[in-house]
Amino acid sequence: KIEKSFKVTESPARSAKFIVRENWI
């Protein structure tokens, strides 16, 4: 299932990465 989902921008998002040591995307 989807854990989380949200809108980032009105334009295409081409790359997304975890930065685990900071709890970031």
mmCIF file of all heavy atoms, coordinates in Angstrom:
data_MODEL
# 
_entry.id   MODEL 
# 
loop_
_atom_site.group_PDB 
_atom_site.id 
_atom_site.type_symbol 
_atom_site.label_atom_id 
_atom_site.label_alt_id 
_atom_site.label_comp_id 
_atom_site.label_asym_id 
_atom_site.label_entity_id 
_atom_site.label_seq_id 
_atom_site.pdbx_PDB_ins_code 
_atom_site.Cartn_x 
_atom_site.Cartn_y 
_atom_site.Cartn_z 
_atom_site.occupancy 
_atom_site.B_iso_or_equiv 
_atom_site.pdbx_formal_charge 
_atom_site.auth_seq_id 
_atom_site.auth_comp_id 
_atom_site.auth_asym_id 
_atom_site.auth_atom_id 
_atom_site.pdbx_PDB_model_num 
ATOM 1   N N   . LYS A 1 1  ? 0.845  -1.195 0.000   1.00 0.00 ? 1  LYS A N   1 
ATOM 2   C CA  . LYS A 1 1  ? 0.000  0.000  0.000   1.00 0.00 ? 1  LYS A CA  1 
ATOM 3   C C   . LYS A 1 1  ? 0.882  1.248  0.000   1.00 0.00 ? 1  LYS A C   1 
ATOM 4   O O   . LYS A 1 1  ? 2.078  1.184  0.305   1.00 0.00 ? 1  LYS A O   1 
ATOM 5   C CB  . LYS A 1 1  ? -0.924 0.025  1.217   1.00 0.00 ? 1  LYS A CB  1 
ATOM 6   C CG  . LYS A 1 1  ? -0.205 0.245  2.538   1.00 0.00 ? 1  LYS A CG  1 
ATOM 7   C CD  . LYS A 1 1  ? -1.201 0.489  3.675   1.00 0.00 ? 1  LYS A CD  1 
ATOM 8   C CE  . LYS A 1 1  ? -0.468 0.938  4.945   1.00 0.00 ? 1  LYS A CE  1 
ATOM 9   N NZ  . LYS A 1 1  ? -1.419 1.298  6.017   1.00 0.00 ? 1  LYS A NZ  1 
ATOM 10  N N   . ILE A 1 2  ? 0.272  2.387  -0.347  1.00 0.00 ? 2  ILE A N   1 
ATOM 11  C CA  . ILE A 1 2  ? 0.989  3.656  -0.293  1.00 0.00 ? 2  ILE A CA  1 
ATOM 12  C C   . ILE A 1 2  ? 1.069  4.131  1.155   1.00 0.00 ? 2  ILE A C   1 
ATOM 13  O O   . ILE A 1 2  ? 0.042  4.264  1.830   1.00 0.00 ? 2  ILE A O   1 
ATOM 14  C CB  . ILE A 1 2  ? 0.287  4.711  -1.168  1.00 0.00 ? 2  ILE A CB  1 
ATOM 15  C CG1 . ILE A 1 2  ? 0.403  4.340  -2.650  1.00 0.00 ? 2  ILE A CG1 1 
ATOM 16  C CG2 . ILE A 1 2  ? 0.900  6.093  -0.935  1.00 0.00 ? 2  ILE A CG2 1 
ATOM 17  C CD1 . ILE A 1 2  ? -0.283 5.307  -3.578  1.00 0.00 ? 2  ILE A CD1 1 
ATOM 18  N N   . GLU A 1 3  ? 2.274  4.351  1.623   1.00 0.00 ? 3  GLU A N   1 
ATOM 19  C CA  . GLU A 1 3  ? 2.496  4.849  2.979   1.00 0.00 ? 3  GLU A CA  1 
ATOM 20  C C   . GLU A 1 3  ? 2.285  6.357  3.045   1.00 0.00 ? 3  GLU A C   1 
ATOM 21  O O   . GLU A 1 3  ? 1.648  6.876  3.958   1.00 0.00 ? 3  GLU A O   1 
ATOM 22  C CB  . GLU A 1 3  ? 3.922  4.493  3.416   1.00 0.00 ? 3  GLU A CB  1 
ATOM 23  C CG  . GLU A 1 3  ? 4.293  4.913  4.829   1.00 0.00 ? 3  GLU A CG  1 
ATOM 24  C CD  . GLU A 1 3  ? 3.749  3.988  5.888   1.00 0.00 ? 3  GLU A CD  1 
ATOM 25  O OE1 . GLU A 1 3  ? 3.379  2.849  5.543   1.00 0.00 ? 3  GLU A OE1 1 
ATOM 26  O OE2 . GLU A 1 3  ? 3.687  4.421  7.045   1.00 0.00 ? 3  GLU A OE2 1 
ATOM 27  N N   . LYS A 1 4  ? 2.836  7.076  2.074   1.00 0.00 ? 4  LYS A N   1 
ATOM 28  C CA  . LYS A 1 4  ? 2.722  8.533  2.014   1.00 0.00 ? 4  LYS A CA  1 
ATOM 29  C C   . LYS A 1 4  ? 2.677  8.948  0.550   1.00 0.00 ? 4  LYS A C   1 
ATOM 30  O O   . LYS A 1 4  ? 3.290  8.306  -0.303  1.00 0.00 ? 4  LYS A O   1 
ATOM 31  C CB  . LYS A 1 4  ? 3.915  9.229  2.684   1.00 0.00 ? 4  LYS A CB  1 
ATOM 32  C CG  . LYS A 1 4  ? 4.169  8.846  4.147   1.00 0.00 ? 4  LYS A CG  1 
ATOM 33  C CD  . LYS A 1 4  ? 5.535  9.373  4.621   1.00 0.00 ? 4  LYS A CD  1 
ATOM 34  C CE  . LYS A 1 4  ? 5.925  8.806  5.979   1.00 0.00 ? 4  LYS A CE  1 
ATOM 35  N NZ  . LYS A 1 4  ? 5.190  9.402  7.080   1.00 0.00 ? 4  LYS A NZ  1 
ATOM 36  N N   . SER A 1 5  ? 1.972  10.041 0.276   1.00 0.00 ? 5  SER A N   1 
ATOM 37  C CA  . SER A 1 5  ? 1.928  10.587 -1.071  1.00 0.00 ? 5  SER A CA  1 
ATOM 38  C C   . SER A 1 5  ? 1.624  12.071 -0.975  1.00 0.00 ? 5  SER A C   1 
ATOM 39  O O   . SER A 1 5  ? 0.759  12.478 -0.190  1.00 0.00 ? 5  SER A O   1 
ATOM 40  C CB  . SER A 1 5  ? 0.857  9.884  -1.909  1.00 0.00 ? 5  SER A CB  1 
ATOM 41  O OG  . SER A 1 5  ? 0.809  10.421 -3.212  1.00 0.00 ? 5  SER A OG  1 
ATOM 42  N N   . PHE A 1 6  ? 2.353  12.875 -1.751  1.00 0.00 ? 6  PHE A N   1 
ATOM 43  C CA  . PHE A 1 6  ? 2.111  14.315 -1.701  1.00 0.00 ? 6  PHE A CA  1 
ATOM 44  C C   . PHE A 1 6  ? 2.581  14.979 -2.984  1.00 0.00 ? 6  PHE A C   1 
ATOM 45  O O   . PHE A 1 6  ? 3.390  14.429 -3.739  1.00 0.00 ? 6  PHE A O   1 
ATOM 46  C CB  . PHE A 1 6  ? 2.789  14.958 -0.485  1.00 0.00 ? 6  PHE A CB  1 
ATOM 47  C CG  . PHE A 1 6  ? 4.289  14.835 -0.459  1.00 0.00 ? 6  PHE A CG  1 
ATOM 48  C CD1 . PHE A 1 6  ? 5.094  15.896 -0.849  1.00 0.00 ? 6  PHE A CD1 1 
ATOM 49  C CD2 . PHE A 1 6  ? 4.905  13.674 -0.025  1.00 0.00 ? 6  PHE A CD2 1 
ATOM 50  C CE1 . PHE A 1 6  ? 6.470  15.794 -0.820  1.00 0.00 ? 6  PHE A CE1 1 
ATOM 51  C CE2 . PHE A 1 6  ? 6.285  13.562 0.010   1.00 0.00 ? 6  PHE A CE2 1 
ATOM 52  C CZ  . PHE A 1 6  ? 7.066  14.629 -0.387  1.00 0.00 ? 6  PHE A CZ  1 
ATOM 53  N N   . LYS A 1 7  ? 2.041  16.168 -3.210  1.00 0.00 ? 7  LYS A N   1 
ATOM 54  C CA  . LYS A 1 7  ? 2.376  16.963 -4.389  1.00 0.00 ? 7  LYS A CA  1 
ATOM 55  C C   . LYS A 1 7  ? 3.630  17.776 -4.107  1.00 0.00 ? 7  LYS A C   1 
ATOM 56  O O   . LYS A 1 7  ? 3.706  18.497 -3.107  1.00 0.00 ? 7  LYS A O   1 
ATOM 57  C CB  . LYS A 1 7  ? 1.222  17.908 -4.727  1.00 0.00 ? 7  LYS A CB  1 
ATOM 58  C CG  . LYS A 1 7  ? 1.372  18.642 -6.044  1.00 0.00 ? 7  LYS A CG  1 
ATOM 59  C CD  . LYS A 1 7  ? 1.026  17.739 -7.204  1.00 0.00 ? 7  LYS A CD  1 
ATOM 60  C CE  . LYS A 1 7  ? 0.892  18.507 -8.515  1.00 0.00 ? 7  LYS A CE  1 
ATOM 61  N NZ  . LYS A 1 7  ? 0.586  17.611 -9.642  1.00 0.00 ? 7  LYS A NZ  1 
ATOM 62  N N   . VAL A 1 8  ? 4.612  17.673 -4.995  1.00 0.00 ? 8  VAL A N   1 
ATOM 63  C CA  . VAL A 1 8  ? 5.845  18.443 -4.861  1.00 0.00 ? 8  VAL A CA  1 
ATOM 64  C C   . VAL A 1 8  ? 5.801  19.678 -5.744  1.00 0.00 ? 8  VAL A C   1 
ATOM 65  O O   . VAL A 1 8  ? 6.143  20.784 -5.324  1.00 0.00 ? 8  VAL A O   1 
ATOM 66  C CB  . VAL A 1 8  ? 7.063  17.564 -5.225  1.00 0.00 ? 8  VAL A CB  1 
ATOM 67  C CG1 . VAL A 1 8  ? 8.341  18.398 -5.290  1.00 0.00 ? 8  VAL A CG1 1 
ATOM 68  C CG2 . VAL A 1 8  ? 7.213  16.435 -4.221  1.00 0.00 ? 8  VAL A CG2 1 
ATOM 69  N N   . THR A 1 9  ? 5.339  19.517 -6.989  1.00 0.00 ? 9  THR A N   1 
ATOM 70  C CA  . THR A 1 9  ? 5.399  20.587 -7.966  1.00 0.00 ? 9  THR A CA  1 
ATOM 71  C C   . THR A 1 9  ? 4.391  20.307 -9.074  1.00 0.00 ? 9  THR A C   1 
ATOM 72  O O   . THR A 1 9  ? 3.916  19.171 -9.218  1.00 0.00 ? 9  THR A O   1 
ATOM 73  C CB  . THR A 1 9  ? 6.824  20.696 -8.552  1.00 0.00 ? 9  THR A CB  1 
ATOM 74  O OG1 . THR A 1 9  ? 6.832  21.619 -9.642  1.00 0.00 ? 9  THR A OG1 1 
ATOM 75  C CG2 . THR A 1 9  ? 7.325  19.358 -9.058  1.00 0.00 ? 9  THR A CG2 1 
ATOM 76  N N   . GLU A 1 10 ? 4.087  21.335 -9.852  1.00 0.00 ? 10 GLU A N   1 
ATOM 77  C CA  . GLU A 1 10 ? 3.213  21.158 -11.004 1.00 0.00 ? 10 GLU A CA  1 
ATOM 78  C C   . GLU A 1 10 ? 3.962  20.581 -12.200 1.00 0.00 ? 10 GLU A C   1 
ATOM 79  O O   . GLU A 1 10 ? 3.344  20.170 -13.182 1.00 0.00 ? 10 GLU A O   1 
ATOM 80  C CB  . GLU A 1 10 ? 2.575  22.502 -11.390 1.00 0.00 ? 10 GLU A CB  1 
ATOM 81  C CG  . GLU A 1 10 ? 1.598  23.043 -10.361 1.00 0.00 ? 10 GLU A CG  1 
ATOM 82  C CD  . GLU A 1 10 ? 0.435  22.092 -10.104 1.00 0.00 ? 10 GLU A CD  1 
ATOM 83  O OE1 . GLU A 1 10 ? -0.049 21.465 -11.069 1.00 0.00 ? 10 GLU A OE1 1 
ATOM 84  O OE2 . GLU A 1 10 ? 0.039  21.953 -8.933  1.00 0.00 ? 10 GLU A OE2 1 
ATOM 85  N N   . SER A 1 11 ? 5.306  20.563 -12.141 1.00 0.00 ? 11 SER A N   1 
ATOM 86  C CA  . SER A 1 11 ? 6.079  19.987 -13.225 1.00 0.00 ? 11 SER A CA  1 
ATOM 87  C C   . SER A 1 11 ? 6.531  18.578 -12.873 1.00 0.00 ? 11 SER A C   1 
ATOM 88  O O   . SER A 1 11 ? 6.481  18.175 -11.724 1.00 0.00 ? 11 SER A O   1 
ATOM 89  C CB  . SER A 1 11 ? 7.283  20.844 -13.572 1.00 0.00 ? 11 SER A CB  1 
ATOM 90  O OG  . SER A 1 11 ? 7.643  21.691 -12.577 1.00 0.00 ? 11 SER A OG  1 
ATOM 91  N N   . PRO A 1 12 ? 6.932  17.801 -13.867 1.00 0.00 ? 12 PRO A N   1 
ATOM 92  C CA  . PRO A 1 12 ? 7.345  16.424 -13.599 1.00 0.00 ? 12 PRO A CA  1 
ATOM 93  C C   . PRO A 1 12 ? 8.488  16.334 -12.597 1.00 0.00 ? 12 PRO A C   1 
ATOM 94  O O   . PRO A 1 12 ? 9.453  17.108 -12.653 1.00 0.00 ? 12 PRO A O   1 
ATOM 95  C CB  . PRO A 1 12 ? 7.780  15.916 -14.984 1.00 0.00 ? 12 PRO A CB  1 
ATOM 96  C CG  . PRO A 1 12 ? 6.976  16.721 -15.945 1.00 0.00 ? 12 PRO A CG  1 
ATOM 97  C CD  . PRO A 1 12 ? 6.872  18.084 -15.327 1.00 0.00 ? 12 PRO A CD  1 
ATOM 98  N N   . ALA A 1 13 ? 8.386  15.379 -11.686 1.00 0.00 ? 13 ALA A N   1 
ATOM 99  C CA  . ALA A 1 13 ? 9.469  15.051 -10.754 1.00 0.00 ? 13 ALA A CA  1 
ATOM 100 C C   . ALA A 1 13 ? 10.235 13.868 -11.338 1.00 0.00 ? 13 ALA A C   1 
ATOM 101 O O   . ALA A 1 13 ? 9.677  12.781 -11.478 1.00 0.00 ? 13 ALA A O   1 
ATOM 102 C CB  . ALA A 1 13 ? 8.915  14.723 -9.380  1.00 0.00 ? 13 ALA A CB  1 
ATOM 103 N N   . ARG A 1 14 ? 11.489 14.089 -11.711 1.00 0.00 ? 14 ARG A N   1 
ATOM 104 C CA  . ARG A 1 14 ? 12.239 13.052 -12.431 1.00 0.00 ? 14 ARG A CA  1 
ATOM 105 C C   . ARG A 1 14 ? 13.177 12.242 -11.539 1.00 0.00 ? 14 ARG A C   1 
ATOM 106 O O   . ARG A 1 14 ? 13.598 11.157 -11.919 1.00 0.00 ? 14 ARG A O   1 
ATOM 107 C CB  . ARG A 1 14 ? 13.058 13.680 -13.572 1.00 0.00 ? 14 ARG A CB  1 
ATOM 108 C CG  . ARG A 1 14 ? 12.188 14.206 -14.685 1.00 0.00 ? 14 ARG A CG  1 
ATOM 109 C CD  . ARG A 1 14 ? 12.970 14.614 -15.906 1.00 0.00 ? 14 ARG A CD  1 
ATOM 110 N NE  . ARG A 1 14 ? 12.090 15.247 -16.862 1.00 0.00 ? 14 ARG A NE  1 
ATOM 111 C CZ  . ARG A 1 14 ? 11.460 14.614 -17.844 1.00 0.00 ? 14 ARG A CZ  1 
ATOM 112 N NH1 . ARG A 1 14 ? 11.624 13.318 -18.009 1.00 0.00 ? 14 ARG A NH1 1 
ATOM 113 N NH2 . ARG A 1 14 ? 10.657 15.269 -18.662 1.00 0.00 ? 14 ARG A NH2 1 
ATOM 114 N N   . SER A 1 15 ? 13.546 12.775 -10.384 1.00 0.00 ? 15 SER A N   1 
ATOM 115 C CA  . SER A 1 15 ? 14.475 12.041 -9.517  1.00 0.00 ? 15 SER A CA  1 
ATOM 116 C C   . SER A 1 15 ? 14.124 12.314 -8.064  1.00 0.00 ? 15 SER A C   1 
ATOM 117 O O   . SER A 1 15 ? 13.925 13.470 -7.672  1.00 0.00 ? 15 SER A O   1 
ATOM 118 C CB  . SER A 1 15 ? 15.923 12.468 -9.797  1.00 0.00 ? 15 SER A CB  1 
ATOM 119 O OG  . SER A 1 15 ? 16.825 11.701 -9.034  1.00 0.00 ? 15 SER A OG  1 
ATOM 120 N N   . ALA A 1 16 ? 14.035 11.254 -7.270  1.00 0.00 ? 16 ALA A N   1 
ATOM 121 C CA  . ALA A 1 16 ? 13.790 11.382 -5.832  1.00 0.00 ? 16 ALA A CA  1 
ATOM 122 C C   . ALA A 1 16 ? 14.654 10.360 -5.100  1.00 0.00 ? 16 ALA A C   1 
ATOM 123 O O   . ALA A 1 16 ? 14.734 9.200  -5.525  1.00 0.00 ? 16 ALA A O   1 
ATOM 124 C CB  . ALA A 1 16 ? 12.320 11.174 -5.506  1.00 0.00 ? 16 ALA A CB  1 
ATOM 125 N N   . LYS A 1 17 ? 15.292 10.802 -4.029  1.00 0.00 ? 17 LYS A N   1 
ATOM 126 C CA  . LYS A 1 17 ? 16.201 9.945  -3.277  1.00 0.00 ? 17 LYS A CA  1 
ATOM 127 C C   . LYS A 1 17 ? 15.952 10.086 -1.777  1.00 0.00 ? 17 LYS A C   1 
ATOM 128 O O   . LYS A 1 17 ? 15.613 11.162 -1.288  1.00 0.00 ? 17 LYS A O   1 
ATOM 129 C CB  . LYS A 1 17 ? 17.667 10.339 -3.558  1.00 0.00 ? 17 LYS A CB  1 
ATOM 130 C CG  . LYS A 1 17 ? 18.108 10.214 -5.002  1.00 0.00 ? 17 LYS A CG  1 
ATOM 131 C CD  . LYS A 1 17 ? 18.353 8.773  -5.386  1.00 0.00 ? 17 LYS A CD  1 
ATOM 132 C CE  . LYS A 1 17 ? 18.951 8.678  -6.787  1.00 0.00 ? 17 LYS A CE  1 
ATOM 133 N NZ  . LYS A 1 17 ? 19.172 7.279  -7.183  1.00 0.00 ? 17 LYS A NZ  1 
ATOM 134 N N   . PHE A 1 18 ? 16.169 8.997  -1.069  1.00 0.00 ? 18 PHE A N   1 
ATOM 135 C CA  . PHE A 1 18 ? 16.211 9.049  0.389   1.00 0.00 ? 18 PHE A CA  1 
ATOM 136 C C   . PHE A 1 18 ? 17.578 9.568  0.850   1.00 0.00 ? 18 PHE A C   1 
ATOM 137 O O   . PHE A 1 18 ? 18.616 9.200  0.291   1.00 0.00 ? 18 PHE A O   1 
ATOM 138 C CB  . PHE A 1 18 ? 16.027 7.658  0.992   1.00 0.00 ? 18 PHE A CB  1 
ATOM 139 C CG  . PHE A 1 18 ? 14.633 7.108  0.922   1.00 0.00 ? 18 PHE A CG  1 
ATOM 140 C CD1 . PHE A 1 18 ? 14.361 5.990  0.145   1.00 0.00 ? 18 PHE A CD1 1 
ATOM 141 C CD2 . PHE A 1 18 ? 13.602 7.681  1.658   1.00 0.00 ? 18 PHE A CD2 1 
ATOM 142 C CE1 . PHE A 1 18 ? 13.075 5.458  0.095   1.00 0.00 ? 18 PHE A CE1 1 
ATOM 143 C CE2 . PHE A 1 18 ? 12.312 7.157  1.614   1.00 0.00 ? 18 PHE A CE2 1 
ATOM 144 C CZ  . PHE A 1 18 ? 12.050 6.049  0.839   1.00 0.00 ? 18 PHE A CZ  1 
ATOM 145 N N   . ILE A 1 19 ? 17.583 10.432 1.862   1.00 0.00 ? 19 ILE A N   1 
ATOM 146 C CA  . ILE A 1 19 ? 18.792 10.739 2.625   1.00 0.00 ? 19 ILE A CA  1 
ATOM 147 C C   . ILE A 1 19 ? 18.504 10.228 4.029   1.00 0.00 ? 19 ILE A C   1 
ATOM 148 O O   . ILE A 1 19 ? 17.956 10.923 4.887   1.00 0.00 ? 19 ILE A O   1 
ATOM 149 C CB  . ILE A 1 19 ? 19.134 12.237 2.625   1.00 0.00 ? 19 ILE A CB  1 
ATOM 150 C CG1 . ILE A 1 19 ? 19.226 12.769 1.201   1.00 0.00 ? 19 ILE A CG1 1 
ATOM 151 C CG2 . ILE A 1 19 ? 20.448 12.481 3.370   1.00 0.00 ? 19 ILE A CG2 1 
ATOM 152 C CD1 . ILE A 1 19 ? 19.572 14.245 1.099   1.00 0.00 ? 19 ILE A CD1 1 
ATOM 153 N N   . VAL A 1 20 ? 18.839 8.972  4.266   1.00 0.00 ? 20 VAL A N   1 
ATOM 154 C CA  . VAL A 1 20 ? 18.347 8.251  5.436   1.00 0.00 ? 20 VAL A CA  1 
ATOM 155 C C   . VAL A 1 20 ? 18.900 8.834  6.728   1.00 0.00 ? 20 VAL A C   1 
ATOM 156 O O   . VAL A 1 20 ? 18.180 8.941  7.733   1.00 0.00 ? 20 VAL A O   1 
ATOM 157 C CB  . VAL A 1 20 ? 18.696 6.751  5.306   1.00 0.00 ? 20 VAL A CB  1 
ATOM 158 C CG1 . VAL A 1 20 ? 18.283 5.990  6.550   1.00 0.00 ? 20 VAL A CG1 1 
ATOM 159 C CG2 . VAL A 1 20 ? 18.009 6.171  4.074   1.00 0.00 ? 20 VAL A CG2 1 
ATOM 160 N N   . ARG A 1 21 ? 20.168 9.253  6.715   1.00 0.00 ? 21 ARG A N   1 
ATOM 161 C CA  . ARG A 1 21 ? 20.764 9.738  7.965   1.00 0.00 ? 21 ARG A CA  1 
ATOM 162 C C   . ARG A 1 21 ? 20.148 11.041 8.440   1.00 0.00 ? 21 ARG A C   1 
ATOM 163 O O   . ARG A 1 21 ? 20.353 11.443 9.579   1.00 0.00 ? 21 ARG A O   1 
ATOM 164 C CB  . ARG A 1 21 ? 22.273 9.877  7.810   1.00 0.00 ? 21 ARG A CB  1 
ATOM 165 C CG  . ARG A 1 21 ? 22.759 10.765 6.671   1.00 0.00 ? 21 ARG A CG  1 
ATOM 166 C CD  . ARG A 1 21 ? 24.242 10.529 6.442   1.00 0.00 ? 21 ARG A CD  1 
ATOM 167 N NE  . ARG A 1 21 ? 24.853 11.384 5.436   1.00 0.00 ? 21 ARG A NE  1 
ATOM 168 C CZ  . ARG A 1 21 ? 24.906 11.094 4.149   1.00 0.00 ? 21 ARG A CZ  1 
ATOM 169 N NH1 . ARG A 1 21 ? 24.328 9.995  3.705   1.00 0.00 ? 21 ARG A NH1 1 
ATOM 170 N NH2 . ARG A 1 21 ? 25.516 11.898 3.298   1.00 0.00 ? 21 ARG A NH2 1 
ATOM 171 N N   . GLU A 1 22 ? 19.371 11.712 7.599   1.00 0.00 ? 22 GLU A N   1 
ATOM 172 C CA  . GLU A 1 22 ? 18.678 12.942 7.985   1.00 0.00 ? 22 GLU A CA  1 
ATOM 173 C C   . GLU A 1 22 ? 17.149 12.780 8.014   1.00 0.00 ? 22 GLU A C   1 
ATOM 174 O O   . GLU A 1 22 ? 16.441 13.741 8.307   1.00 0.00 ? 22 GLU A O   1 
ATOM 175 C CB  . GLU A 1 22 ? 19.041 14.069 7.006   1.00 0.00 ? 22 GLU A CB  1 
ATOM 176 C CG  . GLU A 1 22 ? 20.522 14.387 6.909   1.00 0.00 ? 22 GLU A CG  1 
ATOM 177 C CD  . GLU A 1 22 ? 21.057 15.107 8.131   1.00 0.00 ? 22 GLU A CD  1 
ATOM 178 O OE1 . GLU A 1 22 ? 20.250 15.559 8.967   1.00 0.00 ? 22 GLU A OE1 1 
ATOM 179 O OE2 . GLU A 1 22 ? 22.298 15.203 8.246   1.00 0.00 ? 22 GLU A OE2 1 
ATOM 180 N N   . ASN A 1 23 ? 16.676 11.565 7.675   1.00 0.00 ? 23 ASN A N   1 
ATOM 181 C CA  . ASN A 1 23 ? 15.225 11.327 7.535   1.00 0.00 ? 23 ASN A CA  1 
ATOM 182 C C   . ASN A 1 23 ? 14.610 12.257 6.484   1.00 0.00 ? 23 ASN A C   1 
ATOM 183 O O   . ASN A 1 23 ? 13.510 12.778 6.667   1.00 0.00 ? 23 ASN A O   1 
ATOM 184 C CB  . ASN A 1 23 ? 14.487 11.494 8.869   1.00 0.00 ? 23 ASN A CB  1 
ATOM 185 C CG  . ASN A 1 23 ? 14.806 10.384 9.846   1.00 0.00 ? 23 ASN A CG  1 
ATOM 186 O OD1 . ASN A 1 23 ? 15.631 9.514  9.569   1.00 0.00 ? 23 ASN A OD1 1 
ATOM 187 N ND2 . ASN A 1 23 ? 14.165 10.394 10.988  1.00 0.00 ? 23 ASN A ND2 1 
ATOM 188 N N   . TRP A 1 24 ? 15.301 12.397 5.353   1.00 0.00 ? 24 TRP A N   1 
ATOM 189 C CA  . TRP A 1 24 ? 14.878 13.310 4.308   1.00 0.00 ? 24 TRP A CA  1 
ATOM 190 C C   . TRP A 1 24 ? 14.566 12.562 3.015   1.00 0.00 ? 24 TRP A C   1 
ATOM 191 O O   . TRP A 1 24 ? 15.039 11.462 2.778   1.00 0.00 ? 24 TRP A O   1 
ATOM 192 C CB  . TRP A 1 24 ? 15.965 14.330 3.986   1.00 0.00 ? 24 TRP A CB  1 
ATOM 193 C CG  . TRP A 1 24 ? 16.213 15.369 5.029   1.00 0.00 ? 24 TRP A CG  1 
ATOM 194 C CD1 . TRP A 1 24 ? 15.422 15.701 6.094   1.00 0.00 ? 24 TRP A CD1 1 
ATOM 195 C CD2 . TRP A 1 24 ? 17.363 16.221 5.107   1.00 0.00 ? 24 TRP A CD2 1 
ATOM 196 N NE1 . TRP A 1 24 ? 16.008 16.711 6.825   1.00 0.00 ? 24 TRP A NE1 1 
ATOM 197 C CE2 . TRP A 1 24 ? 17.197 17.047 6.245   1.00 0.00 ? 24 TRP A CE2 1 
ATOM 198 C CE3 . TRP A 1 24 ? 18.519 16.373 4.332   1.00 0.00 ? 24 TRP A CE3 1 
ATOM 199 C CZ2 . TRP A 1 24 ? 18.140 18.011 6.617   1.00 0.00 ? 24 TRP A CZ2 1 
ATOM 200 C CZ3 . TRP A 1 24 ? 19.459 17.326 4.694   1.00 0.00 ? 24 TRP A CZ3 1 
ATOM 201 C CH2 . TRP A 1 24 ? 19.271 18.139 5.831   1.00 0.00 ? 24 TRP A CH2 1 
ATOM 202 N N   . ILE A 1 25 ? 13.760 13.245 2.207   1.00 0.00 ? 25 ILE A N   1 
ATOM 203 C CA  . ILE A 1 25 ? 13.596 12.937 0.786   1.00 0.00 ? 25 ILE A CA  1 
ATOM 204 C C   . ILE A 1 25 ? 14.053 14.165 0.013   1.00 0.00 ? 25 ILE A C   1 
ATOM 205 O O   . ILE A 1 25 ? 13.703 15.291 0.370   1.00 0.00 ? 25 ILE A O   1 
ATOM 206 C CB  . ILE A 1 25 ? 12.122 12.658 0.442   1.00 0.00 ? 25 ILE A CB  1 
ATOM 207 C CG1 . ILE A 1 25 ? 11.625 11.388 1.117   1.00 0.00 ? 25 ILE A CG1 1 
ATOM 208 C CG2 . ILE A 1 25 ? 11.918 12.565 -1.064  1.00 0.00 ? 25 ILE A CG2 1 
ATOM 209 C CD1 . ILE A 1 25 ? 10.112 11.266 1.082   1.00 0.00 ? 25 ILE A CD1 1 
# 
